[in-house]
Amino acid sequence: MFDRAAKAFFDAIARSQRLKQLAAPYGMRPNGFARRFVAGESLEEAIAAARAIEAAGLTETLHYLEAPVATMAEADRATRALAALIDPIAASGIERNLSLSPLQLGLRVDRATCVDNLRRILDAVSAHEFFVRIDMEDYSCVQVTLEAFETIWQQGYRNAGIVLQAHLRRSAADAERMNQLGARVRLVKGAFRESVSAAYRSSDEVNAAFVDIMKLLLKGGVYPAIATHDPEMIAATRAFAVSHGTSPTCFEFQMLYGIRRDLQMSLVSEGFRVRVYVPFGREWFPYLMRRIGERPTNIGSVMRSLVRDR
């Protein structure tokens, strides 16, 4: 019950422009409260974080935090901003792996515009052999996001993957469809509060769905990403992989920057591949508030940082 209430509370905070303005001067200080969970506001800071992650034996995906757009002009500007990151990332020598939100590309404005902008990004990264993960937003965006993804897939773009949320009742069928396509899937539990008709609510139901979809992906998917910090879900994945002879090189675990670093390193030491999701950008406040809402134990870390900032 507390988890659901916390998610709703911090989601409301994430939407507050006033609180965002109040937090802006403090969060990204050298010891600011956001630094544990967000690499920084600049690409240079994100690249530095990526280098440290790679030096520890992990891999990473960079995600540029940008506000959702409301017009085609804003979508064009956001697409140009994303495209401008590509050459510097390639030149830096870090792994070429990006995550982006379709809302940045105009999904809520016009599906065709979003697809065109996504194609622009995929064309721009193709020369540098990037992989691009298309994030999934709330339930109202799921069908149109999957349609946009299938459109670019049918047009021959293979350097892209998608995200599925285990708490959605439809996701097992979506996972089977992605397996049929041969598309790479990142499986998450799901962060958005949805209706009972669309999503499971109890943690037991969500966990059961997560395990079922994980099995589908490990049996029939293409290099799936199992994104969780839950030790039970990780243990279930490991047990299933061992029992079915699935090599640790055929899938990877994914975790968020700044969360369960001990678990990340433990998995790496055991021979598993671990990728860290590294967010950066000026729109860090909404991201941070939602991550706290998903994992209330993070509140303590933020509160301690706030005390240091005073």
C-alpha atoms as a PDB file:
ATOM      1  CA  MET A   1       0.000   0.000   0.000  1.00  0.00           C
ATOM      2  CA  PHE A   2       2.798   2.382   0.893  1.00  0.00           C
ATOM      3  CA  ASP A   3       4.549   1.670  -2.399  1.00  0.00           C
ATOM      4  CA  ARG A   4       1.479   2.662  -4.427  1.00  0.00           C
ATOM      5  CA  ALA A   5       0.920   5.773  -2.314  1.00  0.00           C
ATOM      6  CA  ALA A   6       4.592   6.717  -2.607  1.00  0.00           C
ATOM      7  CA  LYS A   7       4.515   6.374  -6.385  1.00  0.00           C
ATOM      8  CA  ALA A   8       1.462   8.618  -6.636  1.00  0.00           C
ATOM      9  CA  PHE A   9       2.956  11.187  -4.247  1.00  0.00           C
ATOM     10  CA  PHE A  10       6.321  11.424  -5.982  1.00  0.00           C
ATOM     11  CA  ASP A  11       4.713  11.419  -9.410  1.00  0.00           C
ATOM     12  CA  ALA A  12       2.798  14.521  -8.344  1.00  0.00           C
ATOM     13  CA  ILE A  13       6.047  16.115  -7.138  1.00  0.00           C
ATOM     14  CA  ALA A  14       7.714  15.240 -10.451  1.00  0.00           C
ATOM     15  CA  ARG A  15       5.060  17.263 -12.277  1.00  0.00           C
ATOM     16  CA  SER A  16       5.499  20.373 -10.108  1.00  0.00           C
ATOM     17  CA  GLN A  17       7.302  23.172 -11.936  1.00  0.00           C
ATOM     18  CA  ARG A  18       7.581  25.142  -8.702  1.00  0.00           C
ATOM     19  CA  LEU A  19       9.400  22.367  -6.852  1.00  0.00           C
ATOM     20  CA  LYS A  20      11.582  21.764  -9.892  1.00  0.00           C
ATOM     21  CA  GLN A  21      12.667  25.423  -9.839  1.00  0.00           C
ATOM     22  CA  LEU A  22      13.358  25.277  -6.101  1.00  0.00           C
ATOM     23  CA  ALA A  23      15.470  22.135  -6.467  1.00  0.00           C
ATOM     24  CA  ALA A  24      17.444  23.287  -9.512  1.00  0.00           C
ATOM     25  CA  PRO A  25      20.252  25.152  -7.655  1.00  0.00           C
ATOM     26  CA  TYR A  26      20.945  22.247  -5.293  1.00  0.00           C
ATOM     27  CA  GLY A  27      20.505  18.896  -6.975  1.00  0.00           C
ATOM     28  CA  MET A  28      23.528  19.003  -9.266  1.00  0.00           C
ATOM     29  CA  ARG A  29      26.061  20.484  -6.888  1.00  0.00           C
ATOM     30  CA  PRO A  30      29.172  18.288  -6.479  1.00  0.00           C
ATOM     31  CA  ASN A  31      27.521  16.612  -3.480  1.00  0.00           C
ATOM     32  CA  GLY A  32      23.969  17.417  -4.504  1.00  0.00           C
ATOM     33  CA  PHE A  33      21.078  15.134  -3.703  1.00  0.00           C
ATOM     34  CA  ALA A  34      20.579  14.104  -7.357  1.00  0.00           C
ATOM     35  CA  ARG A  35      24.192  13.164  -8.042  1.00  0.00           C
ATOM     36  CA  ARG A  36      23.849   9.589  -6.868  1.00  0.00           C
ATOM     37  CA  PHE A  37      21.100   8.865  -9.394  1.00  0.00           C
ATOM     38  CA  VAL A  38      21.850  11.238 -12.296  1.00  0.00           C
ATOM     39  CA  ALA A  39      25.271  11.486 -13.938  1.00  0.00           C
ATOM     40  CA  GLY A  40      25.024  15.236 -14.486  1.00  0.00           C
ATOM     41  CA  GLU A  41      23.486  17.839 -16.738  1.00  0.00           C
ATOM     42  CA  SER A  42      26.086  17.695 -19.504  1.00  0.00           C
ATOM     43  CA  LEU A  43      27.163  15.046 -21.977  1.00  0.00           C
ATOM     44  CA  GLU A  44      30.732  15.387 -20.706  1.00  0.00           C
ATOM     45  CA  GLU A  45      29.599  14.329 -17.225  1.00  0.00           C
ATOM     46  CA  ALA A  46      27.684  11.391 -18.675  1.00  0.00           C
ATOM     47  CA  ILE A  47      30.733  10.243 -20.642  1.00  0.00           C
ATOM     48  CA  ALA A  48      32.880  10.454 -17.499  1.00  0.00           C
ATOM     49  CA  ALA A  49      30.337   8.333 -15.627  1.00  0.00           C
ATOM     50  CA  ALA A  50      30.273   5.833 -18.502  1.00  0.00           C
ATOM     51  CA  ARG A  51      34.052   5.500 -18.437  1.00  0.00           C
ATOM     52  CA  ALA A  52      33.988   4.740 -14.710  1.00  0.00           C
ATOM     53  CA  ILE A  53      31.268   2.138 -15.248  1.00  0.00           C
ATOM     54  CA  GLU A  54      33.223   0.441 -18.036  1.00  0.00           C
ATOM     55  CA  ALA A  55      36.393   0.471 -15.949  1.00  0.00           C
ATOM     56  CA  ALA A  56      34.495  -1.538 -13.327  1.00  0.00           C
ATOM     57  CA  GLY A  57      33.594  -4.187 -15.880  1.00  0.00           C
ATOM     58  CA  LEU A  58      30.041  -3.132 -16.636  1.00  0.00           C
ATOM     59  CA  THR A  59      28.436  -1.588 -19.715  1.00  0.00           C
ATOM     60  CA  GLU A  60      26.045   1.341 -19.966  1.00  0.00           C
ATOM     61  CA  THR A  61      23.302   2.994 -21.928  1.00  0.00           C
ATOM     62  CA  LEU A  62      22.999   6.777 -21.931  1.00  0.00           C
ATOM     63  CA  HIS A  63      19.646   8.511 -21.680  1.00  0.00           C
ATOM     64  CA  TYR A  64      19.327  12.235 -22.307  1.00  0.00           C
ATOM     65  CA  LEU A  65      16.630  13.618 -20.038  1.00  0.00           C
ATOM     66  CA  GLU A  66      14.402  16.021 -21.920  1.00  0.00           C
ATOM     67  CA  ALA A  67      10.869  17.285 -21.352  1.00  0.00           C
ATOM     68  CA  PRO A  68       7.996  15.790 -23.391  1.00  0.00           C
ATOM     69  CA  VAL A  69       7.191  17.965 -26.392  1.00  0.00           C
ATOM     70  CA  ALA A  70       3.833  19.489 -27.301  1.00  0.00           C
ATOM     71  CA  THR A  71       4.383  20.741 -30.861  1.00  0.00           C
ATOM     72  CA  MET A  72       6.048  19.533 -34.031  1.00  0.00           C
ATOM     73  CA  ALA A  73       8.578  22.354 -33.759  1.00  0.00           C
ATOM     74  CA  GLU A  74       9.537  21.234 -30.252  1.00  0.00           C
ATOM     75  CA  ALA A  75       9.831  17.637 -31.463  1.00  0.00           C
ATOM     76  CA  ASP A  76      12.157  18.778 -34.246  1.00  0.00           C
ATOM     77  CA  ARG A  77      14.341  20.694 -31.781  1.00  0.00           C
ATOM     78  CA  ALA A  78      14.485  17.716 -29.430  1.00  0.00           C
ATOM     79  CA  THR A  79      15.432  15.398 -32.291  1.00  0.00           C
ATOM     80  CA  ARG A  80      18.202  17.750 -33.334  1.00  0.00           C
ATOM     81  CA  ALA A  81      19.474  17.878 -29.748  1.00  0.00           C
ATOM     82  CA  LEU A  82      19.580  14.078 -29.585  1.00  0.00           C
ATOM     83  CA  ALA A  83      21.314  13.851 -32.964  1.00  0.00           C
ATOM     84  CA  ALA A  84      23.942  16.327 -31.769  1.00  0.00           C
ATOM     85  CA  LEU A  85      25.019  13.857 -29.070  1.00  0.00           C
ATOM     86  CA  ILE A  86      25.945  11.104 -31.500  1.00  0.00           C
ATOM     87  CA  ASP A  87      29.307  12.239 -32.852  1.00  0.00           C
ATOM     88  CA  PRO A  88      30.731  13.262 -29.434  1.00  0.00           C
ATOM     89  CA  ILE A  89      29.688   9.916 -27.936  1.00  0.00           C
ATOM     90  CA  ALA A  90      31.267   8.028 -30.826  1.00  0.00           C
ATOM     91  CA  ALA A  91      34.452  10.093 -30.517  1.00  0.00           C
ATOM     92  CA  SER A  92      34.683   9.479 -26.764  1.00  0.00           C
ATOM     93  CA  GLY A  93      35.293   5.761 -27.207  1.00  0.00           C
ATOM     94  CA  ILE A  94      32.580   4.615 -24.782  1.00  0.00           C
ATOM     95  CA  GLU A  95      30.038   2.007 -25.761  1.00  0.00           C
ATOM     96  CA  ARG A  96      27.554   3.291 -28.313  1.00  0.00           C
ATOM     97  CA  ASN A  97      24.245   2.574 -26.671  1.00  0.00           C
ATOM     98  CA  LEU A  98      21.396   5.068 -26.276  1.00  0.00           C
ATOM     99  CA  SER A  99      17.961   5.054 -24.695  1.00  0.00           C
ATOM    100  CA  LEU A 100      15.304   7.570 -25.702  1.00  0.00           C
ATOM    101  CA  SER A 101      11.702   8.367 -24.957  1.00  0.00           C
ATOM    102  CA  PRO A 102       9.257   8.535 -27.878  1.00  0.00           C
ATOM    103  CA  LEU A 103       7.644  11.487 -26.100  1.00  0.00           C
ATOM    104  CA  GLN A 104      10.799  13.461 -26.888  1.00  0.00           C
ATOM    105  CA  LEU A 105      10.243  12.753 -30.572  1.00  0.00           C
ATOM    106  CA  GLY A 106       6.622  13.859 -30.656  1.00  0.00           C
ATOM    107  CA  LEU A 107       4.626  10.699 -29.949  1.00  0.00           C
ATOM    108  CA  ARG A 108       1.759  12.648 -28.390  1.00  0.00           C
ATOM    109  CA  VAL A 109       1.837  15.213 -31.185  1.00  0.00           C
ATOM    110  CA  ASP A 110       1.645  12.931 -34.206  1.00  0.00           C
ATOM    111  CA  ARG A 111       2.640   9.302 -34.692  1.00  0.00           C
ATOM    112  CA  ALA A 112       3.988   9.866 -38.208  1.00  0.00           C
ATOM    113  CA  THR A 113       6.138  12.736 -36.952  1.00  0.00           C
ATOM    114  CA  CYS A 114       7.487  10.539 -34.166  1.00  0.00           C
ATOM    115  CA  VAL A 115       8.362   7.784 -36.640  1.00  0.00           C
ATOM    116  CA  ASP A 116      10.087  10.268 -38.945  1.00  0.00           C
ATOM    117  CA  ASN A 117      12.105  11.680 -36.052  1.00  0.00           C
ATOM    118  CA  LEU A 118      13.005   8.212 -34.834  1.00  0.00           C
ATOM    119  CA  ARG A 119      14.176   7.351 -38.327  1.00  0.00           C
ATOM    120  CA  ARG A 120      16.340  10.486 -38.316  1.00  0.00           C
ATOM    121  CA  ILE A 121      18.057   9.314 -35.131  1.00  0.00           C
ATOM    122  CA  LEU A 122      18.531   5.754 -36.383  1.00  0.00           C
ATOM    123  CA  ASP A 123      19.963   6.987 -39.669  1.00  0.00           C
ATOM    124  CA  ALA A 124      22.350   9.285 -37.805  1.00  0.00           C
ATOM    125  CA  VAL A 125      23.645   6.519 -35.526  1.00  0.00           C
ATOM    126  CA  SER A 126      23.923   3.840 -38.209  1.00  0.00           C
ATOM    127  CA  ALA A 127      27.354   4.983 -39.374  1.00  0.00           C
ATOM    128  CA  HIS A 128      28.654   4.615 -35.805  1.00  0.00           C
ATOM    129  CA  GLU A 129      26.959   1.278 -35.046  1.00  0.00           C
ATOM    130  CA  PHE A 130      24.889   2.466 -32.099  1.00  0.00           C
ATOM    131  CA  PHE A 131      22.080   0.507 -30.518  1.00  0.00           C
ATOM    132  CA  VAL A 132      19.004   2.543 -29.592  1.00  0.00           C
ATOM    133  CA  ARG A 133      16.467   1.435 -26.995  1.00  0.00           C
ATOM    134  CA  ILE A 134      13.005   2.964 -27.311  1.00  0.00           C
ATOM    135  CA  ASP A 135      11.520   3.473 -23.859  1.00  0.00           C
ATOM    136  CA  MET A 136       7.917   2.756 -22.941  1.00  0.00           C
ATOM    137  CA  GLU A 137       5.699   5.353 -21.299  1.00  0.00           C
ATOM    138  CA  ASP A 138       2.293   4.972 -19.619  1.00  0.00           C
ATOM    139  CA  TYR A 139      -0.463   2.722 -20.925  1.00  0.00           C
ATOM    140  CA  SER A 140      -1.948   5.376 -23.199  1.00  0.00           C
ATOM    141  CA  CYS A 141       1.325   5.283 -25.192  1.00  0.00           C
ATOM    142  CA  VAL A 142       1.906   1.541 -25.345  1.00  0.00           C
ATOM    143  CA  GLN A 143       0.006   0.596 -28.493  1.00  0.00           C
ATOM    144  CA  VAL A 144       1.181   3.570 -30.540  1.00  0.00           C
ATOM    145  CA  THR A 145       4.777   3.063 -29.390  1.00  0.00           C
ATOM    146  CA  LEU A 146       4.707  -0.582 -30.441  1.00  0.00           C
ATOM    147  CA  GLU A 147       3.159   0.408 -33.771  1.00  0.00           C
ATOM    148  CA  ALA A 148       5.893   2.994 -34.321  1.00  0.00           C
ATOM    149  CA  PHE A 149       8.529   0.414 -33.446  1.00  0.00           C
ATOM    150  CA  GLU A 150       7.090  -2.163 -35.834  1.00  0.00           C
ATOM    151  CA  THR A 151       6.986   0.479 -38.566  1.00  0.00           C
ATOM    152  CA  ILE A 152      10.702   1.168 -38.350  1.00  0.00           C
ATOM    153  CA  TRP A 153      11.424  -2.545 -37.930  1.00  0.00           C
ATOM    154  CA  GLN A 154       9.562  -3.372 -41.125  1.00  0.00           C
ATOM    155  CA  GLN A 155      11.548  -0.615 -42.840  1.00  0.00           C
ATOM    156  CA  GLY A 156      14.727  -2.526 -42.075  1.00  0.00           C
ATOM    157  CA  TYR A 157      16.040  -0.794 -38.953  1.00  0.00           C
ATOM    158  CA  ARG A 158      17.597  -3.489 -36.777  1.00  0.00           C
ATOM    159  CA  ASN A 159      19.675  -1.295 -34.472  1.00  0.00           C
ATOM    160  CA  ALA A 160      16.693  -0.607 -32.190  1.00  0.00           C
ATOM    161  CA  GLY A 161      14.938  -2.387 -29.355  1.00  0.00           C
ATOM    162  CA  ILE A 162      11.864  -1.865 -27.214  1.00  0.00           C
ATOM    163  CA  VAL A 163      10.801  -1.935 -23.545  1.00  0.00           C
ATOM    164  CA  LEU A 164       7.954  -4.006 -22.111  1.00  0.00           C
ATOM    165  CA  GLN A 165       6.408  -3.569 -18.672  1.00  0.00           C
ATOM    166  CA  ALA A 166       5.575  -6.768 -16.796  1.00  0.00           C
ATOM    167  CA  HIS A 167       2.758  -5.219 -14.788  1.00  0.00           C
ATOM    168  CA  LEU A 168       0.673  -4.668 -17.943  1.00  0.00           C
ATOM    169  CA  ARG A 169      -1.693  -7.524 -18.688  1.00  0.00           C
ATOM    170  CA  ARG A 170      -0.925  -7.357 -22.407  1.00  0.00           C
ATOM    171  CA  SER A 171       2.858  -7.650 -22.118  1.00  0.00           C
ATOM    172  CA  ALA A 172       3.161 -11.437 -22.392  1.00  0.00           C
ATOM    173  CA  ALA A 173       1.462 -11.300 -25.796  1.00  0.00           C
ATOM    174  CA  ASP A 174       3.646  -8.329 -26.770  1.00  0.00           C
ATOM    175  CA  ALA A 175       6.750 -10.290 -25.755  1.00  0.00           C
ATOM    176  CA  GLU A 176       5.713 -13.185 -27.968  1.00  0.00           C
ATOM    177  CA  ARG A 177       5.230 -10.751 -30.858  1.00  0.00           C
ATOM    178  CA  MET A 178       8.685  -9.230 -30.331  1.00  0.00           C
ATOM    179  CA  ASN A 179      10.177 -12.726 -30.250  1.00  0.00           C
ATOM    180  CA  GLN A 180       8.527 -13.445 -33.594  1.00  0.00           C
ATOM    181  CA  LEU A 181      10.051 -10.283 -35.040  1.00  0.00           C
ATOM    182  CA  GLY A 182      13.476 -11.028 -33.580  1.00  0.00           C
ATOM    183  CA  ALA A 183      13.519  -7.714 -31.747  1.00  0.00           C
ATOM    184  CA  ARG A 184      15.488  -7.100 -28.575  1.00  0.00           C
ATOM    185  CA  VAL A 185      13.355  -6.477 -25.473  1.00  0.00           C
ATOM    186  CA  ARG A 186      14.152  -4.785 -22.194  1.00  0.00           C
ATOM    187  CA  LEU A 187      11.837  -6.194 -19.507  1.00  0.00           C
ATOM    188  CA  VAL A 188      10.937  -3.986 -16.535  1.00  0.00           C
ATOM    189  CA  LYS A 189       8.314  -4.320 -13.831  1.00  0.00           C
ATOM    190  CA  GLY A 190       6.657  -1.011 -14.730  1.00  0.00           C
ATOM    191  CA  ALA A 191       6.561   2.345 -12.975  1.00  0.00           C
ATOM    192  CA  PHE A 192       3.259   3.905 -14.023  1.00  0.00           C
ATOM    193  CA  ARG A 193       0.062   3.664 -12.006  1.00  0.00           C
ATOM    194  CA  GLU A 194      -2.504   2.115 -14.352  1.00  0.00           C
ATOM    195  CA  SER A 195      -6.106   0.941 -14.133  1.00  0.00           C
ATOM    196  CA  VAL A 196      -6.870  -2.533 -12.812  1.00  0.00           C
ATOM    197  CA  SER A 197      -8.181  -3.486 -16.236  1.00  0.00           C
ATOM    198  CA  ALA A 198      -4.813  -2.668 -17.811  1.00  0.00           C
ATOM    199  CA  ALA A 199      -2.348  -3.731 -15.151  1.00  0.00           C
ATOM    200  CA  TYR A 200      -1.749  -6.053 -12.249  1.00  0.00           C
ATOM    201  CA  ARG A 201      -1.718  -4.272  -8.915  1.00  0.00           C
ATOM    202  CA  SER A 202      -0.378  -6.712  -6.344  1.00  0.00           C
ATOM    203  CA  SER A 203       3.346  -7.308  -6.090  1.00  0.00           C
ATOM    204  CA  ASP A 204       2.796 -11.070  -6.278  1.00  0.00           C
ATOM    205  CA  GLU A 205       0.940 -10.747  -9.581  1.00  0.00           C
ATOM    206  CA  VAL A 206       3.568  -8.401 -11.025  1.00  0.00           C
ATOM    207  CA  ASN A 207       6.399 -10.698  -9.948  1.00  0.00           C
ATOM    208  CA  ALA A 208       4.657 -13.730 -11.434  1.00  0.00           C
ATOM    209  CA  ALA A 209       4.127 -11.879 -14.719  1.00  0.00           C
ATOM    210  CA  PHE A 210       7.753 -10.724 -14.731  1.00  0.00           C
ATOM    211  CA  VAL A 211       9.002 -14.294 -14.328  1.00  0.00           C
ATOM    212  CA  ASP A 212       6.658 -15.622 -17.014  1.00  0.00           C
ATOM    213  CA  ILE A 213       7.774 -12.995 -19.534  1.00  0.00           C
ATOM    214  CA  MET A 214      11.426 -13.440 -18.574  1.00  0.00           C
ATOM    215  CA  LYS A 215      11.091 -17.118 -19.446  1.00  0.00           C
ATOM    216  CA  LEU A 216       9.482 -16.297 -22.791  1.00  0.00           C
ATOM    217  CA  LEU A 217      12.344 -13.945 -23.621  1.00  0.00           C
ATOM    218  CA  LEU A 218      15.137 -16.271 -22.518  1.00  0.00           C
ATOM    219  CA  LYS A 219      13.622 -19.182 -24.428  1.00  0.00           C
ATOM    220  CA  GLY A 220      12.716 -17.412 -27.654  1.00  0.00           C
ATOM    221  CA  GLY A 221      14.035 -13.874 -27.603  1.00  0.00           C
ATOM    222  CA  VAL A 222      17.103 -12.136 -29.003  1.00  0.00           C
ATOM    223  CA  TYR A 223      19.559 -11.025 -26.316  1.00  0.00           C
ATOM    224  CA  PRO A 224      16.906  -9.897 -23.807  1.00  0.00           C
ATOM    225  CA  ALA A 225      17.650  -7.374 -21.078  1.00  0.00           C
ATOM    226  CA  ILE A 226      16.256  -8.290 -17.664  1.00  0.00           C
ATOM    227  CA  ALA A 227      15.982  -4.954 -15.895  1.00  0.00           C
ATOM    228  CA  THR A 228      15.419  -5.300 -12.158  1.00  0.00           C
ATOM    229  CA  HIS A 229      17.000  -4.655  -8.766  1.00  0.00           C
ATOM    230  CA  ASP A 230      14.793  -7.281  -7.126  1.00  0.00           C
ATOM    231  CA  PRO A 231      16.974 -10.141  -5.807  1.00  0.00           C
ATOM    232  CA  GLU A 232      14.079 -12.589  -6.202  1.00  0.00           C
ATOM    233  CA  MET A 233      13.633 -11.740  -9.881  1.00  0.00           C
ATOM    234  CA  ILE A 234      17.379 -11.973 -10.440  1.00  0.00           C
ATOM    235  CA  ALA A 235      17.504 -15.344  -8.689  1.00  0.00           C
ATOM    236  CA  ALA A 236      14.594 -16.600 -10.793  1.00  0.00           C
ATOM    237  CA  THR A 237      16.361 -15.482 -13.969  1.00  0.00           C
ATOM    238  CA  ARG A 238      19.613 -17.130 -12.999  1.00  0.00           C
ATOM    239  CA  ALA A 239      17.868 -20.377 -12.043  1.00  0.00           C
ATOM    240  CA  PHE A 240      15.926 -20.508 -15.294  1.00  0.00           C
ATOM    241  CA  ALA A 241      19.030 -19.768 -17.371  1.00  0.00           C
ATOM    242  CA  VAL A 242      20.967 -22.561 -15.633  1.00  0.00           C
ATOM    243  CA  SER A 243      18.140 -25.085 -15.906  1.00  0.00           C
ATOM    244  CA  HIS A 244      17.750 -24.418 -19.641  1.00  0.00           C
ATOM    245  CA  GLY A 245      21.441 -24.165 -20.442  1.00  0.00           C
ATOM    246  CA  THR A 246      21.202 -20.503 -21.388  1.00  0.00           C
ATOM    247  CA  SER A 247      24.652 -18.927 -21.487  1.00  0.00           C
ATOM    248  CA  PRO A 248      25.181 -15.683 -19.532  1.00  0.00           C
ATOM    249  CA  THR A 249      26.361 -14.209 -22.835  1.00  0.00           C
ATOM    250  CA  CYS A 250      22.862 -14.592 -24.323  1.00  0.00           C
ATOM    251  CA  PHE A 251      21.190 -12.011 -22.076  1.00  0.00           C
ATOM    252  CA  GLU A 252      22.049  -9.208 -19.697  1.00  0.00           C
ATOM    253  CA  PHE A 253      20.824  -7.708 -16.459  1.00  0.00           C
ATOM    254  CA  GLN A 254      20.138  -3.991 -16.395  1.00  0.00           C
ATOM    255  CA  MET A 255      20.034  -1.643 -13.427  1.00  0.00           C
ATOM    256  CA  LEU A 256      19.730   2.067 -12.799  1.00  0.00           C
ATOM    257  CA  TYR A 257      22.663   4.368 -12.164  1.00  0.00           C
ATOM    258  CA  GLY A 258      23.315   4.737  -8.441  1.00  0.00           C
ATOM    259  CA  ILE A 259      21.056   1.899  -7.310  1.00  0.00           C
ATOM    260  CA  ARG A 260      22.332  -1.408  -5.887  1.00  0.00           C
ATOM    261  CA  ARG A 261      25.922  -0.947  -6.979  1.00  0.00           C
ATOM    262  CA  ASP A 262      26.814  -3.860  -4.699  1.00  0.00           C
ATOM    263  CA  LEU A 263      24.436  -6.133  -6.577  1.00  0.00           C
ATOM    264  CA  GLN A 264      25.730  -4.907  -9.926  1.00  0.00           C
ATOM    265  CA  MET A 265      29.300  -5.775  -9.024  1.00  0.00           C
ATOM    266  CA  SER A 266      28.325  -9.105  -7.478  1.00  0.00           C
ATOM    267  CA  LEU A 267      26.668 -10.205 -10.714  1.00  0.00           C
ATOM    268  CA  VAL A 268      29.661  -9.104 -12.771  1.00  0.00           C
ATOM    269  CA  SER A 269      31.999 -11.054 -10.502  1.00  0.00           C
ATOM    270  CA  GLU A 270      29.893 -14.151 -11.187  1.00  0.00           C
ATOM    271  CA  GLY A 271      30.257 -13.765 -14.941  1.00  0.00           C
ATOM    272  CA  PHE A 272      26.938 -12.091 -15.805  1.00  0.00           C
ATOM    273  CA  ARG A 273      26.645  -9.106 -18.078  1.00  0.00           C
ATOM    274  CA  VAL A 274      25.297  -5.984 -16.380  1.00  0.00           C
ATOM    275  CA  ARG A 275      24.326  -2.756 -18.094  1.00  0.00           C
ATOM    276  CA  VAL A 276      23.769   0.486 -16.171  1.00  0.00           C
ATOM    277  CA  TYR A 277      21.150   2.981 -17.332  1.00  0.00           C
ATOM    278  CA  VAL A 278      22.848   6.398 -17.096  1.00  0.00           C
ATOM    279  CA  PRO A 279      20.518   9.421 -17.203  1.00  0.00           C
ATOM    280  CA  PHE A 280      21.804  12.945 -17.719  1.00  0.00           C
ATOM    281  CA  GLY A 281      20.450  16.334 -18.690  1.00  0.00           C
ATOM    282  CA  ARG A 282      18.750  19.388 -17.281  1.00  0.00           C
ATOM    283  CA  GLU A 283      15.390  17.630 -16.895  1.00  0.00           C
ATOM    284  CA  TRP A 284      16.717  15.502 -14.029  1.00  0.00           C
ATOM    285  CA  PHE A 285      14.165  16.520 -11.381  1.00  0.00           C
ATOM    286  CA  PRO A 286      11.096  14.648 -12.774  1.00  0.00           C
ATOM    287  CA  TYR A 287      13.232  11.570 -13.416  1.00  0.00           C
ATOM    288  CA  LEU A 288      14.651  11.602  -9.880  1.00  0.00           C
ATOM    289  CA  MET A 289      11.290  12.022  -8.183  1.00  0.00           C
ATOM    290  CA  ARG A 290       9.812   9.097 -10.078  1.00  0.00           C
ATOM    291  CA  ARG A 291      12.769   6.870  -9.226  1.00  0.00           C
ATOM    292  CA  ILE A 292      12.328   7.699  -5.544  1.00  0.00           C
ATOM    293  CA  GLY A 293       8.647   6.862  -5.802  1.00  0.00           C
ATOM    294  CA  GLU A 294       9.458   3.487  -7.340  1.00  0.00           C
ATOM    295  CA  ARG A 295      11.930   2.643  -4.614  1.00  0.00           C
ATOM    296  CA  PRO A 296      11.091   4.413  -1.317  1.00  0.00           C
ATOM    297  CA  THR A 297      14.345   3.196   0.268  1.00  0.00           C
ATOM    298  CA  ASN A 298      16.034   5.833  -1.898  1.00  0.00           C
ATOM    299  CA  ILE A 299      14.399   8.556   0.179  1.00  0.00           C
ATOM    300  CA  GLY A 300      17.007   8.155   2.910  1.00  0.00           C
ATOM    301  CA  SER A 301      19.878   8.798   0.500  1.00  0.00           C
ATOM    302  CA  VAL A 302      18.229  11.945  -0.830  1.00  0.00           C
ATOM    303  CA  MET A 303      17.428  13.244   2.668  1.00  0.00           C
ATOM    304  CA  ARG A 304      21.036  12.772   3.783  1.00  0.00           C
ATOM    305  CA  SER A 305      22.224  14.720   0.727  1.00  0.00           C
ATOM    306  CA  LEU A 306      19.728  17.503   1.436  1.00  0.00           C
ATOM    307  CA  VAL A 307      21.094  17.847   4.966  1.00  0.00           C
ATOM    308  CA  ARG A 308      24.634  18.158   3.589  1.00  0.00           C
ATOM    309  CA  ASP A 309      23.488  20.864   1.177  1.00  0.00           C
ATOM    310  CA  ARG A 310      22.088  23.113   3.893  1.00  0.00           C
END
